[in-house]
Amino acid sequence: MKKGLLPKLAAHLPTLAIAALTLGLAPFTPQPHVWQKLTWLAQGGQGMVWYDYFDLLLHGSPWVLLILGLIGKVTTPATPRTSAKKTS
């Protein structure tokens, strides 16, 4: 049995990808929300208040979990498959 957070996240990559593409990007217009917050922060964050940072945390967390899951997929060694047949 694999232990640790990264292998567990790697097992749920499709779910994490859907979460990142929907929750992580919503609302989609005029630009993805997380991208808007990141560019605002990169420009110095002038005028950002506490709930803007909280909003960035909420919209960015699916992306962080997806990246951690991908790292877990790459770094976790594959477990060898055993045959279900019994030899007597």
C-alpha atoms as a PDB file:
ATOM      1  CA  MET A   1       0.000   0.000   0.000  1.00  0.00           C
ATOM      2  CA  LYS A   2       1.335   3.408  -0.943  1.00  0.00           C
ATOM      3  CA  LYS A   3       1.581   5.905   1.872  1.00  0.00           C
ATOM      4  CA  GLY A   4       1.821   9.655   1.890  1.00  0.00           C
ATOM      5  CA  LEU A   5      -0.112  12.513   0.389  1.00  0.00           C
ATOM      6  CA  LEU A   6       1.418  12.589  -3.098  1.00  0.00           C
ATOM      7  CA  PRO A   7       0.540   8.996  -4.060  1.00  0.00           C
ATOM      8  CA  LYS A   8      -2.996   9.488  -2.751  1.00  0.00           C
ATOM      9  CA  LEU A   9      -3.400  12.631  -4.842  1.00  0.00           C
ATOM     10  CA  ALA A  10      -1.933  10.840  -7.853  1.00  0.00           C
ATOM     11  CA  ALA A  11      -4.705   8.274  -7.605  1.00  0.00           C
ATOM     12  CA  HIS A  12      -7.303  11.020  -8.103  1.00  0.00           C
ATOM     13  CA  LEU A  13      -5.818  12.889 -11.068  1.00  0.00           C
ATOM     14  CA  PRO A  14      -8.992  12.925 -13.212  1.00  0.00           C
ATOM     15  CA  THR A  15     -11.033  14.404 -10.363  1.00  0.00           C
ATOM     16  CA  LEU A  16      -8.337  16.968  -9.623  1.00  0.00           C
ATOM     17  CA  ALA A  17      -8.148  17.952 -13.292  1.00  0.00           C
ATOM     18  CA  ILE A  18     -11.909  18.511 -13.449  1.00  0.00           C
ATOM     19  CA  ALA A  19     -11.789  20.557 -10.240  1.00  0.00           C
ATOM     20  CA  ALA A  20      -8.935  22.694 -11.551  1.00  0.00           C
ATOM     21  CA  LEU A  21     -10.625  23.341 -14.880  1.00  0.00           C
ATOM     22  CA  THR A  22     -14.014  24.188 -13.377  1.00  0.00           C
ATOM     23  CA  LEU A  23     -13.557  25.571  -9.863  1.00  0.00           C
ATOM     24  CA  GLY A  24     -10.054  26.825 -10.518  1.00  0.00           C
ATOM     25  CA  LEU A  25     -11.008  28.879 -13.556  1.00  0.00           C
ATOM     26  CA  ALA A  26     -14.580  29.976 -12.732  1.00  0.00           C
ATOM     27  CA  PRO A  27     -15.908  32.543 -13.586  1.00  0.00           C
ATOM     28  CA  PHE A  28     -14.515  32.231 -17.097  1.00  0.00           C
ATOM     29  CA  THR A  29     -15.299  35.693 -18.475  1.00  0.00           C
ATOM     30  CA  PRO A  30     -13.835  38.256 -19.005  1.00  0.00           C
ATOM     31  CA  GLN A  31     -10.792  36.197 -17.972  1.00  0.00           C
ATOM     32  CA  PRO A  32     -10.327  33.247 -15.615  1.00  0.00           C
ATOM     33  CA  HIS A  33     -10.651  34.429 -12.049  1.00  0.00           C
ATOM     34  CA  VAL A  34      -7.473  32.849 -10.726  1.00  0.00           C
ATOM     35  CA  TRP A  35      -5.486  34.347 -13.622  1.00  0.00           C
ATOM     36  CA  GLN A  36      -6.953  37.781 -12.870  1.00  0.00           C
ATOM     37  CA  LYS A  37      -5.909  37.515  -9.216  1.00  0.00           C
ATOM     38  CA  LEU A  38      -2.423  36.256 -10.105  1.00  0.00           C
ATOM     39  CA  THR A  39      -1.795  39.114 -12.548  1.00  0.00           C
ATOM     40  CA  TRP A  40      -3.123  41.582 -10.002  1.00  0.00           C
ATOM     41  CA  LEU A  41      -0.734  40.156  -7.414  1.00  0.00           C
ATOM     42  CA  ALA A  42       2.180  40.153  -9.878  1.00  0.00           C
ATOM     43  CA  GLN A  43       1.595  43.854 -10.549  1.00  0.00           C
ATOM     44  CA  GLY A  44       2.117  44.630  -6.881  1.00  0.00           C
ATOM     45  CA  GLY A  45      -1.283  43.837  -5.441  1.00  0.00           C
ATOM     46  CA  GLN A  46      -2.257  47.484  -5.060  1.00  0.00           C
ATOM     47  CA  GLY A  47      -5.792  47.643  -3.727  1.00  0.00           C
ATOM     48  CA  MET A  48      -6.049  43.973  -2.790  1.00  0.00           C
ATOM     49  CA  VAL A  49      -7.816  43.320   0.497  1.00  0.00           C
ATOM     50  CA  TRP A  50      -8.046  40.199   2.652  1.00  0.00           C
ATOM     51  CA  TYR A  51     -10.903  38.617   0.734  1.00  0.00           C
ATOM     52  CA  ASP A  52      -8.972  38.928  -2.544  1.00  0.00           C
ATOM     53  CA  TYR A  53      -6.193  36.817  -1.038  1.00  0.00           C
ATOM     54  CA  PHE A  54      -8.764  34.362   0.317  1.00  0.00           C
ATOM     55  CA  ASP A  55     -10.374  34.212  -3.133  1.00  0.00           C
ATOM     56  CA  LEU A  56      -6.978  33.491  -4.673  1.00  0.00           C
ATOM     57  CA  LEU A  57      -6.490  30.698  -2.145  1.00  0.00           C
ATOM     58  CA  LEU A  58      -9.870  29.144  -2.959  1.00  0.00           C
ATOM     59  CA  HIS A  59      -9.476  29.355  -6.736  1.00  0.00           C
ATOM     60  CA  GLY A  60      -5.800  28.361  -6.635  1.00  0.00           C
ATOM     61  CA  SER A  61      -6.075  25.324  -4.363  1.00  0.00           C
ATOM     62  CA  PRO A  62      -7.405  22.949  -7.075  1.00  0.00           C
ATOM     63  CA  TRP A  63      -4.396  23.862  -9.213  1.00  0.00           C
ATOM     64  CA  VAL A  64      -1.976  23.279  -6.339  1.00  0.00           C
ATOM     65  CA  LEU A  65      -3.539  19.877  -5.620  1.00  0.00           C
ATOM     66  CA  LEU A  66      -3.377  18.955  -9.323  1.00  0.00           C
ATOM     67  CA  ILE A  67       0.309  19.883  -9.496  1.00  0.00           C
ATOM     68  CA  LEU A  68       1.026  17.875  -6.324  1.00  0.00           C
ATOM     69  CA  GLY A  69      -0.878  14.914  -7.797  1.00  0.00           C
ATOM     70  CA  LEU A  70       1.182  15.099 -10.984  1.00  0.00           C
ATOM     71  CA  ILE A  71       4.372  15.207  -8.918  1.00  0.00           C
ATOM     72  CA  GLY A  72       3.140  12.161  -6.995  1.00  0.00           C
ATOM     73  CA  LYS A  73       2.418  10.346 -10.265  1.00  0.00           C
ATOM     74  CA  VAL A  74       5.925  11.015 -11.555  1.00  0.00           C
ATOM     75  CA  THR A  75       7.824  10.298  -8.344  1.00  0.00           C
ATOM     76  CA  THR A  76       5.914   7.249  -7.076  1.00  0.00           C
ATOM     77  CA  PRO A  77       7.390   3.998  -8.361  1.00  0.00           C
ATOM     78  CA  ALA A  78       4.947   1.742 -10.154  1.00  0.00           C
ATOM     79  CA  THR A  79       3.874  -1.286  -8.164  1.00  0.00           C
ATOM     80  CA  PRO A  80       4.332  -4.593  -9.968  1.00  0.00           C
ATOM     81  CA  ARG A  81       1.105  -6.336 -10.884  1.00  0.00           C
ATOM     82  CA  THR A  82       0.727  -9.800  -9.461  1.00  0.00           C
ATOM     83  CA  SER A  83      -1.063 -12.564 -11.221  1.00  0.00           C
ATOM     84  CA  ALA A  84      -4.430 -13.556  -9.797  1.00  0.00           C
ATOM     85  CA  LYS A  85      -3.891 -17.195 -10.800  1.00  0.00           C
ATOM     86  CA  LYS A  86      -2.844 -19.635  -8.123  1.00  0.00           C
ATOM     87  CA  THR A  87      -0.550 -22.422  -8.998  1.00  0.00           C
ATOM     88  CA  SER A  88      -0.989 -25.642  -7.049  1.00  0.00           C
END
